[in-house]
């Protein structure tokens, strides 16, 4: 090696040819000890992969991270949030309603079931069972309450409005009188007779019985 050129410079030049290396590859290419290679990387600035047990390294200037702070070079994933545990923790903590393993897979492109169970058992995260499976939550109590509240809102089935037979008769009578009336106008008309029938319920009545009309 040219003695006037620093080993850090030689290391940086290697990344002109390939975006990611293992420590062992850099050790062989530069003929410096593993400890020295790590010191050079630290001086330049680097990311280690959250995939492949953190074995791949790239320089900080190389990745173009997406909106989630994730960058892939072929099958090697890098995160601005750290290793896989740190990255999962970041997304779980900031999520408004927690995250499922499937959602995390969509973000990180790696299966997370096993590590999520480990993190839960180590009390790094919490979880809640829902009809859609487990959602993983922060252990911050105030934040977790907000996440659970959001989950309950999403999980709560929407109440389907059905008209009682007597109410449906009132609606249909008004419709016969005024076929051009909108659902809102029909709702107002029957309400004047002391009968409650929302636009949504009237709409459902017409759909269920395949009644044709033009809405205004």
N, C-alpha and C. Protein backbone atom coordinates (compact mmCIF):
# COMPACT_ATOMS: atom_id res chain seq x y z
N UNK A 1 0.83 -1.20 0.00
CA UNK A 1 0.00 0.00 0.00
C UNK A 1 0.87 1.25 0.00
N UNK A 2 0.41 2.28 -0.65
CA UNK A 2 1.08 3.56 -0.63
C UNK A 2 1.03 4.12 0.79
N UNK A 3 2.19 4.40 1.37
CA UNK A 3 2.24 4.84 2.76
C UNK A 3 1.64 6.23 2.95
N UNK A 4 1.52 6.98 1.86
CA UNK A 4 0.95 8.32 1.96
C UNK A 4 -0.58 8.30 1.95
N UNK A 5 -1.15 7.14 1.68
CA UNK A 5 -2.60 7.00 1.66
C UNK A 5 -3.04 6.25 2.91
N UNK A 6 -4.01 6.78 3.62
CA UNK A 6 -4.45 6.17 4.87
C UNK A 6 -5.22 4.88 4.60
N UNK A 7 -5.21 3.96 5.57
CA UNK A 7 -6.01 2.74 5.40
C UNK A 7 -7.50 3.03 5.29
N UNK A 8 -7.95 4.11 5.95
CA UNK A 8 -9.36 4.49 5.82
C UNK A 8 -9.71 4.81 4.37
N UNK A 9 -8.76 5.48 3.68
CA UNK A 9 -9.00 5.83 2.27
C UNK A 9 -9.09 4.56 1.43
N UNK A 10 -8.19 3.61 1.68
CA UNK A 10 -8.24 2.34 0.95
C UNK A 10 -9.56 1.63 1.20
N UNK A 11 -10.01 1.68 2.45
CA UNK A 11 -11.28 1.02 2.79
C UNK A 11 -12.43 1.68 2.03
N UNK A 12 -12.45 3.01 2.00
CA UNK A 12 -13.52 3.71 1.29
C UNK A 12 -13.51 3.37 -0.19
N UNK A 13 -12.33 3.24 -0.78
CA UNK A 13 -12.23 2.94 -2.21
C UNK A 13 -12.80 1.56 -2.53
N UNK A 14 -12.69 0.63 -1.58
CA UNK A 14 -13.26 -0.70 -1.81
C UNK A 14 -14.76 -0.61 -2.08
N UNK A 15 -15.42 0.33 -1.40
CA UNK A 15 -16.87 0.45 -1.54
C UNK A 15 -17.28 1.11 -2.86
N UNK A 16 -16.30 1.54 -3.64
CA UNK A 16 -16.60 2.00 -5.00
C UNK A 16 -16.96 0.81 -5.89
N UNK A 17 -16.48 -0.37 -5.51
CA UNK A 17 -16.68 -1.57 -6.32
C UNK A 17 -17.86 -2.42 -5.84
N UNK A 18 -18.13 -2.35 -4.55
CA UNK A 18 -19.21 -3.14 -3.98
C UNK A 18 -19.79 -2.37 -2.80
N UNK A 19 -21.11 -2.37 -2.67
CA UNK A 19 -21.75 -1.53 -1.66
C UNK A 19 -21.71 -2.12 -0.26
N UNK A 20 -21.52 -3.42 -0.15
CA UNK A 20 -21.55 -4.09 1.16
C UNK A 20 -20.41 -5.10 1.27
N UNK A 21 -19.84 -5.17 2.46
CA UNK A 21 -18.79 -6.15 2.75
C UNK A 21 -19.01 -6.73 4.14
N UNK A 22 -18.47 -7.92 4.35
CA UNK A 22 -18.37 -8.44 5.71
C UNK A 22 -17.03 -7.98 6.28
N UNK A 23 -16.91 -8.04 7.60
CA UNK A 23 -15.65 -7.68 8.24
C UNK A 23 -14.52 -8.56 7.73
N UNK A 24 -14.81 -9.85 7.55
CA UNK A 24 -13.79 -10.78 7.09
C UNK A 24 -13.29 -10.41 5.69
N UNK A 25 -14.21 -9.99 4.81
CA UNK A 25 -13.81 -9.59 3.47
C UNK A 25 -12.91 -8.35 3.50
N UNK A 26 -13.25 -7.40 4.35
CA UNK A 26 -12.43 -6.19 4.48
C UNK A 26 -11.07 -6.52 5.09
N UNK A 27 -11.06 -7.42 6.04
CA UNK A 27 -9.81 -7.87 6.66
C UNK A 27 -8.86 -8.48 5.62
N UNK A 28 -9.41 -9.32 4.76
CA UNK A 28 -8.58 -9.97 3.73
C UNK A 28 -8.11 -8.97 2.68
N UNK A 29 -8.98 -8.04 2.32
CA UNK A 29 -8.64 -7.08 1.27
C UNK A 29 -7.60 -6.07 1.73
N UNK A 30 -7.64 -5.68 3.00
CA UNK A 30 -6.75 -4.62 3.49
C UNK A 30 -5.57 -5.14 4.30
N UNK A 31 -5.67 -6.40 4.74
CA UNK A 31 -4.60 -7.01 5.53
C UNK A 31 -4.37 -6.27 6.85
N UNK A 32 -5.46 -5.85 7.46
CA UNK A 32 -5.41 -5.27 8.80
C UNK A 32 -6.22 -6.18 9.73
N UNK A 33 -5.97 -6.06 11.03
CA UNK A 33 -6.68 -6.89 11.99
C UNK A 33 -8.17 -6.52 12.01
N UNK A 34 -8.99 -7.44 12.52
CA UNK A 34 -10.42 -7.18 12.61
C UNK A 34 -10.70 -5.97 13.50
N UNK A 35 -9.93 -5.84 14.57
CA UNK A 35 -10.10 -4.69 15.47
C UNK A 35 -9.82 -3.39 14.73
N UNK A 36 -8.76 -3.39 13.91
CA UNK A 36 -8.41 -2.19 13.15
C UNK A 36 -9.49 -1.86 12.12
N UNK A 37 -10.01 -2.90 11.46
CA UNK A 37 -11.07 -2.68 10.46
C UNK A 37 -12.28 -2.03 11.12
N UNK A 38 -12.65 -2.52 12.29
CA UNK A 38 -13.80 -1.93 12.99
C UNK A 38 -13.51 -0.48 13.37
N UNK A 39 -12.27 -0.20 13.74
CA UNK A 39 -11.91 1.17 14.09
C UNK A 39 -11.98 2.09 12.87
N UNK A 40 -11.51 1.59 11.73
CA UNK A 40 -11.58 2.38 10.49
C UNK A 40 -13.04 2.68 10.13
N UNK A 41 -13.88 1.65 10.22
CA UNK A 41 -15.29 1.83 9.89
C UNK A 41 -15.94 2.86 10.82
N UNK A 42 -15.62 2.77 12.08
CA UNK A 42 -16.19 3.72 13.05
C UNK A 42 -15.77 5.14 12.74
N UNK A 43 -14.51 5.30 12.30
CA UNK A 43 -14.01 6.63 11.97
C UNK A 43 -14.69 7.22 10.74
N UNK A 44 -15.03 6.36 9.78
CA UNK A 44 -15.67 6.83 8.55
C UNK A 44 -17.18 7.00 8.75
N UNK A 45 -17.77 6.09 9.50
CA UNK A 45 -19.22 6.04 9.67
C UNK A 45 -19.81 4.91 8.85
N UNK A 46 -20.58 4.05 9.48
CA UNK A 46 -21.09 2.87 8.79
C UNK A 46 -22.45 2.45 9.33
N UNK A 47 -23.10 1.56 8.58
CA UNK A 47 -24.29 0.84 9.04
C UNK A 47 -23.99 -0.64 8.93
N UNK A 48 -24.46 -1.40 9.91
CA UNK A 48 -24.42 -2.86 9.79
C UNK A 48 -25.84 -3.35 9.50
N UNK A 49 -25.94 -4.45 8.79
CA UNK A 49 -27.25 -4.93 8.34
C UNK A 49 -28.10 -5.41 9.50
N UNK A 50 -29.43 -5.23 9.38
CA UNK A 50 -30.33 -5.82 10.38
C UNK A 50 -30.72 -7.23 9.96
N UNK A 51 -30.36 -7.62 8.74
CA UNK A 51 -30.53 -8.99 8.28
C UNK A 51 -29.18 -9.72 8.42
N UNK A 52 -29.19 -11.04 8.20
CA UNK A 52 -27.95 -11.83 8.20
C UNK A 52 -27.13 -11.66 9.48
N UNK A 53 -27.83 -11.53 10.63
CA UNK A 53 -27.13 -11.40 11.92
C UNK A 53 -26.13 -10.26 11.95
N UNK A 54 -26.47 -9.16 11.31
CA UNK A 54 -25.66 -7.92 11.34
C UNK A 54 -24.27 -8.08 10.72
N UNK A 55 -24.09 -9.05 9.84
CA UNK A 55 -22.73 -9.36 9.36
C UNK A 55 -22.27 -8.48 8.21
N UNK A 56 -23.21 -7.77 7.55
CA UNK A 56 -22.83 -6.96 6.40
C UNK A 56 -22.69 -5.49 6.80
N UNK A 57 -21.70 -4.83 6.18
CA UNK A 57 -21.41 -3.43 6.50
C UNK A 57 -21.44 -2.58 5.23
N UNK A 58 -21.94 -1.36 5.39
CA UNK A 58 -21.88 -0.39 4.31
C UNK A 58 -21.54 0.97 4.92
N UNK A 59 -21.00 1.87 4.13
CA UNK A 59 -20.64 3.18 4.64
C UNK A 59 -21.86 4.08 4.74
N UNK A 60 -21.83 5.02 5.66
CA UNK A 60 -23.01 5.87 5.92
C UNK A 60 -23.43 6.68 4.71
N UNK A 61 -22.49 6.98 3.82
CA UNK A 61 -22.81 7.82 2.67
C UNK A 61 -23.51 7.04 1.55
N UNK A 62 -23.58 5.72 1.65
CA UNK A 62 -24.06 4.91 0.53
C UNK A 62 -25.58 4.72 0.47
N UNK A 63 -26.25 4.34 1.55
CA UNK A 63 -27.68 3.98 1.44
C UNK A 63 -28.58 5.15 1.03
N UNK A 64 -29.63 4.81 0.29
CA UNK A 64 -30.73 5.74 0.02
C UNK A 64 -31.96 5.16 0.72
N UNK A 65 -32.19 5.58 1.94
CA UNK A 65 -33.24 4.99 2.76
C UNK A 65 -34.62 5.42 2.29
N UNK A 66 -35.60 4.51 2.46
CA UNK A 66 -36.98 4.85 2.12
C UNK A 66 -37.61 5.64 3.26
N UNK A 67 -38.90 5.91 3.16
CA UNK A 67 -39.58 6.73 4.17
C UNK A 67 -39.59 6.09 5.55
N UNK A 68 -39.40 4.77 5.59
CA UNK A 68 -39.35 4.06 6.87
C UNK A 68 -37.94 3.97 7.44
N UNK A 69 -36.97 4.53 6.70
CA UNK A 69 -35.59 4.43 7.16
C UNK A 69 -34.97 3.08 6.88
N UNK A 70 -35.46 2.40 5.82
CA UNK A 70 -34.97 1.07 5.45
C UNK A 70 -34.35 1.13 4.05
N UNK A 71 -33.25 0.42 3.88
CA UNK A 71 -32.59 0.34 2.57
C UNK A 71 -32.12 -1.09 2.35
N UNK A 72 -32.39 -1.60 1.16
CA UNK A 72 -31.94 -2.94 0.80
C UNK A 72 -30.94 -2.87 -0.34
N UNK A 73 -29.86 -3.62 -0.17
CA UNK A 73 -28.95 -3.88 -1.28
C UNK A 73 -29.03 -5.37 -1.55
N UNK A 74 -29.71 -5.70 -2.65
CA UNK A 74 -30.04 -7.10 -2.94
C UNK A 74 -30.83 -7.67 -1.76
N UNK A 75 -30.34 -8.70 -1.08
CA UNK A 75 -31.12 -9.27 0.03
C UNK A 75 -30.64 -8.77 1.39
N UNK A 76 -29.79 -7.78 1.40
CA UNK A 76 -29.20 -7.28 2.64
C UNK A 76 -29.92 -6.00 3.07
N UNK A 77 -30.51 -6.03 4.27
CA UNK A 77 -31.29 -4.90 4.74
C UNK A 77 -30.54 -4.06 5.76
N UNK A 78 -30.68 -2.74 5.63
CA UNK A 78 -30.05 -1.80 6.56
C UNK A 78 -31.11 -0.83 7.08
N UNK A 79 -30.94 -0.42 8.32
CA UNK A 79 -31.93 0.45 8.96
C UNK A 79 -31.23 1.59 9.69
N UNK A 80 -31.80 2.79 9.58
CA UNK A 80 -31.24 3.91 10.34
C UNK A 80 -31.55 3.78 11.82
N UNK A 81 -32.43 2.83 12.16
CA UNK A 81 -32.84 2.66 13.55
C UNK A 81 -31.97 1.67 14.32
N UNK A 82 -31.07 0.96 13.61
CA UNK A 82 -30.17 0.03 14.28
C UNK A 82 -30.37 -1.40 13.83
N UNK A 83 -30.12 -2.35 14.73
CA UNK A 83 -30.27 -3.76 14.39
C UNK A 83 -31.75 -4.14 14.33
N UNK A 84 -32.04 -5.41 14.14
CA UNK A 84 -33.43 -5.84 13.95
C UNK A 84 -34.27 -5.55 15.20
N UNK A 85 -33.74 -5.86 16.37
CA UNK A 85 -34.48 -5.58 17.61
C UNK A 85 -34.78 -4.09 17.76
N UNK A 86 -33.77 -3.27 17.53
CA UNK A 86 -33.94 -1.82 17.68
C UNK A 86 -34.92 -1.28 16.64
N UNK A 87 -34.87 -1.84 15.44
CA UNK A 87 -35.76 -1.38 14.37
C UNK A 87 -37.21 -1.76 14.67
N UNK A 88 -37.42 -3.00 15.10
CA UNK A 88 -38.78 -3.43 15.47
C UNK A 88 -39.30 -2.56 16.61
N UNK A 89 -38.47 -2.32 17.61
CA UNK A 89 -38.87 -1.51 18.76
C UNK A 89 -39.28 -0.11 18.32
N UNK A 90 -38.53 0.45 17.39
CA UNK A 90 -38.85 1.79 16.87
C UNK A 90 -40.24 1.81 16.25
N UNK A 91 -40.53 0.84 15.38
CA UNK A 91 -41.82 0.84 14.68
C UNK A 91 -42.98 0.52 15.62
N UNK A 92 -42.76 -0.39 16.56
CA UNK A 92 -43.82 -0.73 17.51
C UNK A 92 -44.13 0.48 18.40
N UNK A 93 -43.09 1.15 18.87
CA UNK A 93 -43.29 2.29 19.78
C UNK A 93 -44.00 3.45 19.10
N UNK A 94 -43.72 3.68 17.83
CA UNK A 94 -44.30 4.87 17.18
C UNK A 94 -45.65 4.58 16.52
N UNK A 95 -46.02 3.30 16.41
CA UNK A 95 -47.27 2.96 15.73
C UNK A 95 -48.48 3.43 16.53
N UNK A 96 -49.48 4.04 15.89
CA UNK A 96 -50.68 4.49 16.61
C UNK A 96 -51.48 3.36 17.23
N UNK A 97 -51.42 2.15 16.64
CA UNK A 97 -52.23 1.05 17.15
C UNK A 97 -51.44 -0.25 17.28
N UNK A 98 -50.12 -0.14 17.43
CA UNK A 98 -49.32 -1.35 17.48
C UNK A 98 -49.18 -1.95 16.10
N UNK A 99 -48.43 -3.04 16.01
CA UNK A 99 -48.17 -3.67 14.72
C UNK A 99 -48.29 -5.18 14.81
N UNK A 100 -48.80 -5.77 13.76
CA UNK A 100 -48.83 -7.23 13.65
C UNK A 100 -47.52 -7.70 13.03
N UNK A 101 -47.25 -8.99 13.16
CA UNK A 101 -46.05 -9.56 12.53
C UNK A 101 -46.12 -9.40 11.01
N UNK A 102 -47.32 -9.50 10.46
CA UNK A 102 -47.49 -9.35 9.01
C UNK A 102 -47.13 -7.94 8.56
N UNK A 103 -47.57 -6.94 9.32
CA UNK A 103 -47.27 -5.55 8.97
C UNK A 103 -45.78 -5.29 9.05
N UNK A 104 -45.13 -5.83 10.07
CA UNK A 104 -43.68 -5.67 10.19
C UNK A 104 -42.96 -6.34 9.03
N UNK A 105 -43.46 -7.49 8.62
CA UNK A 105 -42.86 -8.17 7.46
C UNK A 105 -42.98 -7.30 6.21
N UNK A 106 -44.12 -6.63 6.06
CA UNK A 106 -44.31 -5.75 4.90
C UNK A 106 -43.32 -4.59 4.90
N UNK A 107 -42.93 -4.14 6.10
CA UNK A 107 -41.98 -3.03 6.21
C UNK A 107 -40.54 -3.51 6.04
N UNK A 108 -40.21 -4.65 6.69
CA UNK A 108 -38.82 -5.08 6.80
C UNK A 108 -38.43 -6.20 5.84
N UNK A 109 -39.43 -6.87 5.26
CA UNK A 109 -39.18 -7.98 4.32
C UNK A 109 -38.45 -9.15 4.96
N UNK A 110 -38.58 -9.29 6.28
CA UNK A 110 -38.03 -10.46 6.97
C UNK A 110 -39.08 -10.97 7.96
N UNK A 111 -39.20 -12.30 8.14
CA UNK A 111 -40.14 -12.83 9.12
C UNK A 111 -39.77 -12.37 10.53
N UNK A 112 -40.77 -11.97 11.31
CA UNK A 112 -40.49 -11.40 12.63
C UNK A 112 -41.14 -12.16 13.78
N UNK A 113 -41.89 -13.23 13.49
CA UNK A 113 -42.63 -13.93 14.55
C UNK A 113 -41.73 -14.34 15.71
N UNK A 114 -40.62 -14.98 15.38
CA UNK A 114 -39.73 -15.51 16.42
C UNK A 114 -39.15 -14.41 17.29
N UNK A 115 -38.62 -13.38 16.66
CA UNK A 115 -37.99 -12.31 17.44
C UNK A 115 -39.02 -11.50 18.21
N UNK A 116 -40.24 -11.38 17.68
CA UNK A 116 -41.31 -10.70 18.42
C UNK A 116 -41.64 -11.46 19.69
N UNK A 117 -41.70 -12.78 19.60
CA UNK A 117 -41.95 -13.60 20.79
C UNK A 117 -40.83 -13.44 21.81
N UNK A 118 -39.59 -13.41 21.33
CA UNK A 118 -38.45 -13.22 22.24
C UNK A 118 -38.52 -11.86 22.93
N UNK A 119 -38.82 -10.83 22.15
CA UNK A 119 -38.90 -9.48 22.72
C UNK A 119 -40.05 -9.37 23.72
N UNK A 120 -41.15 -10.06 23.42
CA UNK A 120 -42.29 -10.06 24.35
C UNK A 120 -41.92 -10.78 25.65
N UNK A 121 -41.27 -11.93 25.53
CA UNK A 121 -40.87 -12.69 26.72
C UNK A 121 -39.85 -11.94 27.57
N UNK A 122 -39.05 -11.10 26.93
CA UNK A 122 -38.06 -10.30 27.65
C UNK A 122 -38.63 -8.96 28.12
N UNK A 123 -39.95 -8.78 27.88
CA UNK A 123 -40.66 -7.57 28.30
C UNK A 123 -40.14 -6.30 27.62
N UNK A 124 -39.64 -6.46 26.40
CA UNK A 124 -39.23 -5.30 25.61
C UNK A 124 -40.44 -4.66 24.93
N UNK A 125 -41.45 -5.49 24.64
CA UNK A 125 -42.69 -5.03 24.03
C UNK A 125 -43.84 -5.77 24.70
N UNK A 126 -45.06 -5.28 24.49
CA UNK A 126 -46.25 -5.98 24.98
C UNK A 126 -47.04 -6.45 23.77
N UNK A 127 -48.14 -7.15 24.01
CA UNK A 127 -48.96 -7.59 22.88
C UNK A 127 -50.41 -7.75 23.32
N UNK A 128 -51.29 -7.72 22.34
CA UNK A 128 -52.72 -7.87 22.59
C UNK A 128 -53.29 -8.78 21.52
N UNK A 129 -54.07 -9.77 21.96
CA UNK A 129 -54.69 -10.68 21.00
C UNK A 129 -55.97 -10.06 20.47
N UNK A 130 -56.11 -10.05 19.15
CA UNK A 130 -57.29 -9.50 18.49
C UNK A 130 -57.86 -10.55 17.54
N UNK A 131 -59.04 -10.32 16.98
CA UNK A 131 -59.57 -11.26 15.98
C UNK A 131 -58.64 -11.45 14.78
N UNK A 132 -57.75 -10.48 14.55
CA UNK A 132 -56.80 -10.57 13.43
C UNK A 132 -55.43 -11.08 13.87
N UNK A 133 -55.35 -11.63 15.09
CA UNK A 133 -54.07 -12.13 15.59
C UNK A 133 -53.45 -11.15 16.57
N UNK A 134 -52.21 -11.41 16.96
CA UNK A 134 -51.52 -10.56 17.93
C UNK A 134 -51.11 -9.23 17.31
N UNK A 135 -51.31 -8.16 18.08
CA UNK A 135 -50.73 -6.86 17.76
C UNK A 135 -49.72 -6.55 18.85
N UNK A 136 -48.53 -6.11 18.44
CA UNK A 136 -47.45 -5.85 19.38
C UNK A 136 -47.43 -4.36 19.73
N UNK A 137 -47.30 -4.10 21.04
CA UNK A 137 -47.49 -2.76 21.58
C UNK A 137 -46.26 -2.31 22.36
N UNK A 138 -46.18 -1.01 22.57
CA UNK A 138 -45.12 -0.45 23.39
C UNK A 138 -45.33 -0.83 24.86
N UNK A 139 -44.27 -0.77 25.66
CA UNK A 139 -44.42 -1.02 27.10
C UNK A 139 -44.63 0.29 27.86
N UNK A 140 -44.55 1.42 27.14
CA UNK A 140 -44.87 2.70 27.77
C UNK A 140 -46.37 2.74 28.05
N UNK A 141 -46.74 2.83 29.32
CA UNK A 141 -48.14 2.65 29.70
C UNK A 141 -49.08 3.67 29.05
N UNK A 142 -48.69 4.94 29.05
CA UNK A 142 -49.56 5.96 28.47
C UNK A 142 -49.74 5.76 26.97
N UNK A 143 -48.63 5.47 26.30
CA UNK A 143 -48.68 5.24 24.86
C UNK A 143 -49.47 3.97 24.54
N UNK A 144 -49.27 2.94 25.37
CA UNK A 144 -49.96 1.67 25.14
C UNK A 144 -51.47 1.83 25.26
N UNK A 145 -51.93 2.63 26.21
CA UNK A 145 -53.37 2.87 26.36
C UNK A 145 -53.95 3.48 25.09
N UNK A 146 -53.19 4.39 24.48
CA UNK A 146 -53.65 5.01 23.23
C UNK A 146 -53.69 3.99 22.09
N UNK A 147 -52.67 3.11 22.04
CA UNK A 147 -52.64 2.08 21.00
C UNK A 147 -53.82 1.13 21.15
N UNK A 148 -54.10 0.71 22.39
CA UNK A 148 -55.21 -0.22 22.63
C UNK A 148 -56.54 0.44 22.27
N UNK A 149 -56.66 1.71 22.60
CA UNK A 149 -57.89 2.44 22.27
C UNK A 149 -58.12 2.46 20.76
N UNK A 150 -57.05 2.72 20.01
CA UNK A 150 -57.16 2.73 18.55
C UNK A 150 -57.50 1.35 18.00
N UNK A 151 -56.91 0.33 18.58
CA UNK A 151 -57.22 -1.05 18.15
C UNK A 151 -58.68 -1.38 18.39
N UNK A 152 -59.21 -0.95 19.53
CA UNK A 152 -60.60 -1.24 19.86
C UNK A 152 -61.55 -0.53 18.90
N UNK A 153 -61.19 0.69 18.51
CA UNK A 153 -62.01 1.43 17.54
C UNK A 153 -62.05 0.70 16.21
N UNK A 154 -60.89 0.22 15.77
CA UNK A 154 -60.80 -0.47 14.48
C UNK A 154 -61.50 -1.82 14.54
N UNK A 155 -61.35 -2.51 15.70
CA UNK A 155 -61.91 -3.85 15.82
C UNK A 155 -63.41 -3.85 16.07
N UNK A 156 -63.94 -2.72 16.56
CA UNK A 156 -65.37 -2.67 16.87
C UNK A 156 -66.20 -2.80 15.59
N UNK A 157 -67.08 -3.79 15.54
CA UNK A 157 -67.90 -3.94 14.33
C UNK A 157 -68.86 -2.76 14.18
N UNK A 158 -69.03 -2.32 12.95
CA UNK A 158 -69.96 -1.22 12.69
C UNK A 158 -71.39 -1.70 12.87
N UNK A 159 -72.16 -0.90 13.57
CA UNK A 159 -73.55 -1.25 13.82
C UNK A 159 -74.34 -1.11 12.52
N UNK A 160 -75.00 -2.19 12.13
CA UNK A 160 -75.81 -2.18 10.92
C UNK A 160 -77.23 -1.78 11.27
N UNK A 161 -77.68 -0.74 10.62
CA UNK A 161 -79.02 -0.23 10.91
C UNK A 161 -80.06 -0.96 10.06
N UNK A 162 -81.03 -1.56 10.73
CA UNK A 162 -82.17 -2.18 10.04
C UNK A 162 -83.45 -1.50 10.50
N UNK A 163 -84.36 -1.31 9.57
CA UNK A 163 -85.64 -0.70 9.92
C UNK A 163 -86.62 -1.76 10.41
N UNK A 164 -87.38 -1.40 11.42
CA UNK A 164 -88.47 -2.28 11.85
C UNK A 164 -89.51 -2.36 10.73
N UNK A 165 -90.25 -3.46 10.65
CA UNK A 165 -91.24 -3.60 9.57
C UNK A 165 -92.22 -2.43 9.49
N UNK A 166 -92.68 -1.96 10.68
CA UNK A 166 -93.63 -0.84 10.68
C UNK A 166 -93.00 0.42 10.10
N UNK A 167 -91.70 0.64 10.46
CA UNK A 167 -90.99 1.82 9.96
C UNK A 167 -90.78 1.73 8.46
N UNK A 168 -90.45 0.52 7.99
CA UNK A 168 -90.25 0.32 6.55
C UNK A 168 -91.52 0.64 5.78
N UNK A 169 -92.68 0.31 6.35
CA UNK A 169 -93.96 0.61 5.69
C UNK A 169 -94.13 2.12 5.52
N UNK A 170 -93.82 2.88 6.59
CA UNK A 170 -93.92 4.34 6.51
C UNK A 170 -93.01 4.89 5.40
N UNK A 171 -91.79 4.35 5.34
CA UNK A 171 -90.83 4.82 4.32
C UNK A 171 -91.36 4.52 2.92
N UNK A 172 -91.87 3.31 2.72
CA UNK A 172 -92.35 2.93 1.39
C UNK A 172 -93.59 3.71 0.98
N UNK A 173 -94.44 4.03 1.95
CA UNK A 173 -95.62 4.85 1.65
C UNK A 173 -95.17 6.23 1.16
N UNK A 174 -94.18 6.81 1.85
CA UNK A 174 -93.68 8.12 1.44
C UNK A 174 -93.00 8.04 0.07
N UNK A 175 -92.34 6.92 -0.19
CA UNK A 175 -91.68 6.74 -1.48
C UNK A 175 -92.71 6.64 -2.61
N UNK A 176 -93.81 5.94 -2.35
CA UNK A 176 -94.88 5.83 -3.36
C UNK A 176 -95.48 7.20 -3.64
N UNK A 177 -95.63 8.00 -2.58
CA UNK A 177 -96.17 9.34 -2.75
C UNK A 177 -95.22 10.22 -3.56
N UNK A 178 -93.93 10.03 -3.32
CA UNK A 178 -92.93 10.90 -3.96
C UNK A 178 -91.72 10.08 -4.40
N UNK A 179 -91.82 9.42 -5.56
CA UNK A 179 -90.75 8.53 -6.04
C UNK A 179 -89.42 9.25 -6.28
N UNK A 180 -89.47 10.56 -6.45
CA UNK A 180 -88.25 11.31 -6.72
C UNK A 180 -87.55 11.78 -5.44
N UNK A 181 -88.14 11.49 -4.30
CA UNK A 181 -87.57 11.95 -3.03
C UNK A 181 -86.23 11.26 -2.77
N UNK A 182 -85.29 12.02 -2.23
CA UNK A 182 -84.00 11.44 -1.84
C UNK A 182 -84.16 10.69 -0.52
N UNK A 183 -83.15 9.93 -0.14
CA UNK A 183 -83.20 9.22 1.14
C UNK A 183 -83.31 10.22 2.30
N UNK A 184 -82.64 11.36 2.16
CA UNK A 184 -82.73 12.39 3.20
C UNK A 184 -84.17 12.90 3.30
N UNK A 185 -84.78 13.16 2.15
CA UNK A 185 -86.16 13.67 2.15
C UNK A 185 -87.14 12.63 2.70
N UNK A 186 -86.91 11.37 2.39
CA UNK A 186 -87.76 10.31 2.95
C UNK A 186 -87.59 10.23 4.47
N UNK A 187 -86.35 10.38 4.92
CA UNK A 187 -86.08 10.35 6.36
C UNK A 187 -86.80 11.49 7.07
N UNK A 188 -86.76 12.69 6.47
CA UNK A 188 -87.43 13.85 7.06
C UNK A 188 -88.94 13.67 7.05
N UNK A 189 -89.45 13.10 5.96
CA UNK A 189 -90.91 12.93 5.82
C UNK A 189 -91.47 11.99 6.89
N UNK A 190 -90.78 10.87 7.12
CA UNK A 190 -91.31 9.92 8.12
C UNK A 190 -91.09 10.45 9.54
N UNK A 191 -90.04 11.26 9.71
CA UNK A 191 -89.79 11.82 11.04
C UNK A 191 -90.92 12.77 11.44
N UNK A 192 -91.51 13.44 10.45
CA UNK A 192 -92.63 14.34 10.73
C UNK A 192 -93.84 13.56 11.26
N UNK A 193 -93.85 12.27 10.97
CA UNK A 193 -94.94 11.41 11.46
C UNK A 193 -94.55 10.71 12.76
N UNK A 194 -93.40 11.14 13.32
CA UNK A 194 -92.96 10.56 14.59
C UNK A 194 -92.20 9.26 14.45
N UNK A 195 -91.66 9.00 13.24
CA UNK A 195 -90.95 7.74 12.99
C UNK A 195 -89.49 8.05 12.66
N UNK A 196 -88.56 7.34 13.29
CA UNK A 196 -87.14 7.55 13.06
C UNK A 196 -86.63 6.56 12.01
N UNK A 197 -86.01 7.09 10.96
CA UNK A 197 -85.40 6.25 9.93
C UNK A 197 -84.26 7.03 9.30
N UNK A 198 -83.02 6.61 9.55
CA UNK A 198 -81.87 7.34 9.03
C UNK A 198 -81.70 7.09 7.53
N UNK A 199 -80.93 7.97 6.89
CA UNK A 199 -80.64 7.79 5.46
C UNK A 199 -79.96 6.44 5.22
N UNK A 200 -79.03 6.08 6.12
CA UNK A 200 -78.29 4.82 5.96
C UNK A 200 -79.22 3.62 6.00
N UNK A 201 -80.16 3.65 6.96
CA UNK A 201 -81.10 2.53 7.10
C UNK A 201 -82.04 2.45 5.90
N UNK A 202 -82.46 3.61 5.38
CA UNK A 202 -83.34 3.62 4.21
C UNK A 202 -82.58 3.09 2.99
N UNK A 203 -81.33 3.51 2.86
CA UNK A 203 -80.49 3.02 1.76
C UNK A 203 -80.38 1.50 1.82
N UNK A 204 -80.15 0.95 3.03
CA UNK A 204 -80.04 -0.50 3.19
C UNK A 204 -81.36 -1.19 2.83
N UNK A 205 -82.48 -0.58 3.23
CA UNK A 205 -83.79 -1.15 2.91
C UNK A 205 -83.97 -1.30 1.40
N UNK A 206 -83.60 -0.26 0.66
CA UNK A 206 -83.76 -0.30 -0.80
C UNK A 206 -82.82 -1.34 -1.42
N UNK A 207 -81.60 -1.44 -0.89
CA UNK A 207 -80.65 -2.41 -1.44
C UNK A 207 -81.08 -3.84 -1.14
N UNK A 208 -81.54 -4.08 0.09
CA UNK A 208 -81.93 -5.44 0.48
C UNK A 208 -83.12 -5.95 -0.33
N UNK A 209 -84.01 -5.02 -0.70
CA UNK A 209 -85.21 -5.43 -1.45
C UNK A 209 -85.12 -5.08 -2.93
N UNK A 210 -83.89 -4.70 -3.34
CA UNK A 210 -83.63 -4.42 -4.75
C UNK A 210 -84.61 -3.40 -5.33
N UNK A 211 -84.87 -2.37 -4.53
CA UNK A 211 -85.75 -1.30 -4.97
C UNK A 211 -84.93 -0.25 -5.71
N UNK A 212 -85.37 0.11 -6.88
CA UNK A 212 -84.61 1.03 -7.71
C UNK A 212 -85.11 2.46 -7.53
N UNK A 213 -84.16 3.37 -7.37
CA UNK A 213 -84.51 4.78 -7.35
C UNK A 213 -83.26 5.59 -7.64
N UNK A 214 -83.46 6.80 -8.05
CA UNK A 214 -82.36 7.72 -8.28
C UNK A 214 -82.20 8.61 -7.06
N UNK A 215 -80.99 8.56 -6.47
CA UNK A 215 -80.73 9.44 -5.33
C UNK A 215 -80.43 10.84 -5.83
N UNK A 216 -80.91 11.82 -5.07
CA UNK A 216 -80.56 13.21 -5.39
C UNK A 216 -79.26 13.55 -4.71
